Amino acid sequence: VHTSFASRGTDPDGKTSARVEISGEKGRITTDGRYGIQGVTGPNGPLTQLEPGPEYPQPYGKFVDAILAGDQSIVETSFYDGLKAAEIVDAAYQSVAESGWIELSHG
C-alpha cells in the first residue's frame, strides 16, 4: 500500500475515531472500527458493506504462548525476520525525517 496523505479529523457523527480509508485506481475501502468494512468498485458510488474475509494470523498470541510455555519453536521466526522488521521501522523514521520514500531491498 502506498499513501501520500494522512489526516485525523472528526467524523460526521461528531466523534473522533480511528478511521482508515484506502483508495486506488480500482476502488476504495473504508473502516472506522465500529461498523465493519465498506467498499466501492470504481472511482465513485455508494459504499456497500463488505465481508472482512478470513481472520488474519495472531502473532502476538503465539508469542505469549511461547513465553508461557518456554518453547521458542511455537513462534515461526528468525534473526533474519527481526532484522528485516527493524529495517522497516528505521525506514519509516527516515521517511518522516526526509519527507520522502525510502527504498528497501527485497532480498
Protein backbone atom coordinates (compact mmCIF):
# COMPACT_ATOMS: atom_id res chain seq x y z
CA VAL A 1 0.00 0.00 0.00
CA HIS A 2 1.36 3.39 -0.96
CA THR A 3 -0.04 6.51 0.63
CA SER A 4 0.74 10.17 0.22
CA PHE A 5 -1.82 11.65 2.60
CA ALA A 6 -2.92 11.00 6.14
CA SER A 7 -5.05 13.09 8.49
CA ARG A 8 -7.04 12.93 11.68
CA GLY A 9 -10.38 14.60 11.99
CA THR A 10 -13.93 14.43 13.24
CA ASP A 11 -16.45 12.02 11.76
CA PRO A 12 -19.85 13.35 10.66
CA ASP A 13 -21.36 11.98 13.89
CA GLY A 14 -19.12 14.36 15.88
CA LYS A 15 -16.87 11.66 17.33
CA THR A 16 -13.20 11.26 16.52
CA SER A 17 -12.38 7.67 15.62
CA ALA A 18 -9.61 5.64 14.07
CA ARG A 19 -10.94 5.88 10.54
CA VAL A 20 -8.95 4.26 7.72
CA GLU A 21 -9.65 4.83 4.03
CA ILE A 22 -7.69 3.24 1.21
CA SER A 23 -8.30 4.43 -2.34
CA GLY A 24 -6.87 3.01 -5.53
CA GLU A 25 -7.47 3.00 -9.25
CA LYS A 26 -9.98 0.14 -8.94
CA GLY A 27 -11.98 1.32 -5.94
CA ARG A 28 -12.00 2.30 -2.28
CA ILE A 29 -12.44 0.65 1.12
CA THR A 30 -13.01 2.30 4.48
CA THR A 31 -13.45 1.31 8.11
CA ASP A 32 -13.71 3.16 11.39
CA GLY A 33 -13.50 0.09 13.60
CA ARG A 34 -17.16 0.36 14.59
CA TYR A 35 -19.23 -0.52 11.56
CA GLY A 36 -17.18 -3.12 9.72
CA ILE A 37 -15.69 -2.54 6.30
CA GLN A 38 -17.38 -0.70 3.45
CA GLY A 39 -16.18 -0.50 -0.14
CA VAL A 40 -16.95 0.56 -3.68
CA THR A 41 -15.62 -0.58 -7.05
CA GLY A 42 -14.63 2.24 -9.38
CA PRO A 43 -14.00 5.91 -8.67
CA ASN A 44 -17.48 6.82 -7.38
CA GLY A 45 -20.63 5.33 -5.98
CA PRO A 46 -22.19 4.42 -2.68
CA LEU A 47 -20.21 2.38 -0.18
CA THR A 48 -21.57 -1.11 0.50
CA GLN A 49 -20.87 -3.44 3.41
CA LEU A 50 -18.06 -5.93 2.67
CA GLU A 51 -17.30 -9.28 4.24
CA PRO A 52 -13.97 -8.93 6.05
CA GLY A 53 -12.58 -12.23 4.76
CA PRO A 54 -10.60 -14.76 6.77
CA GLU A 55 -9.17 -13.75 10.12
CA TYR A 56 -5.53 -12.70 10.00
CA PRO A 57 -2.84 -14.57 11.95
CA GLN A 58 -2.40 -13.66 15.61
CA PRO A 59 1.41 -13.47 16.01
CA TYR A 60 1.30 -11.82 19.44
CA GLY A 61 -0.86 -14.62 20.83
CA LYS A 62 1.69 -17.17 19.64
CA PHE A 63 4.47 -15.02 21.11
CA VAL A 64 2.79 -15.01 24.53
CA ASP A 65 2.15 -18.77 24.28
CA ALA A 66 5.85 -19.34 23.53
CA ILE A 67 6.90 -17.29 26.56
CA LEU A 68 4.47 -19.05 28.90
CA ALA A 69 5.48 -22.49 27.62
CA GLY A 70 9.18 -21.66 27.47
CA ASP A 71 9.18 -23.06 23.93
CA GLN A 72 10.57 -20.81 21.18
CA SER A 73 9.59 -23.31 18.47
CA ILE A 74 5.94 -22.17 18.83
CA VAL A 75 6.90 -18.89 17.12
CA GLU A 76 7.96 -19.22 13.50
CA THR A 77 10.61 -16.52 13.25
CA SER A 78 14.31 -15.99 12.81
CA PHE A 79 17.03 -13.44 13.36
CA TYR A 80 16.65 -12.50 9.69
CA ASP A 81 12.93 -11.77 10.21
CA GLY A 82 13.78 -9.49 13.14
CA LEU A 83 16.47 -7.73 11.12
CA LYS A 84 14.03 -7.06 8.27
CA ALA A 85 11.39 -5.77 10.71
CA ALA A 86 13.96 -3.39 12.23
CA GLU A 87 14.91 -2.15 8.74
CA ILE A 88 11.25 -1.36 8.03
CA VAL A 89 10.89 0.60 11.28
CA ASP A 90 14.13 2.51 10.59
CA ALA A 91 12.94 3.31 7.06
CA ALA A 92 9.65 4.65 8.44
CA TYR A 93 11.52 7.06 10.73
CA GLN A 94 13.85 8.06 7.89
CA SER A 95 10.88 8.64 5.58
CA VAL A 96 9.30 11.02 8.09
CA ALA A 97 12.59 12.86 8.66
CA GLU A 98 13.24 13.27 4.93
CA SER A 99 9.58 13.63 3.82
CA GLY A 100 10.04 11.05 1.10
CA TRP A 101 10.07 7.43 0.00
CA ILE A 102 12.78 5.09 1.28
CA GLU A 103 13.89 2.21 -0.94
CA LEU A 104 14.24 -1.16 0.80
CA SER A 105 15.90 -4.25 -0.62
CA HIS A 106 13.63 -7.24 -1.15
CA GLY A 107 16.31 -9.87 -0.62
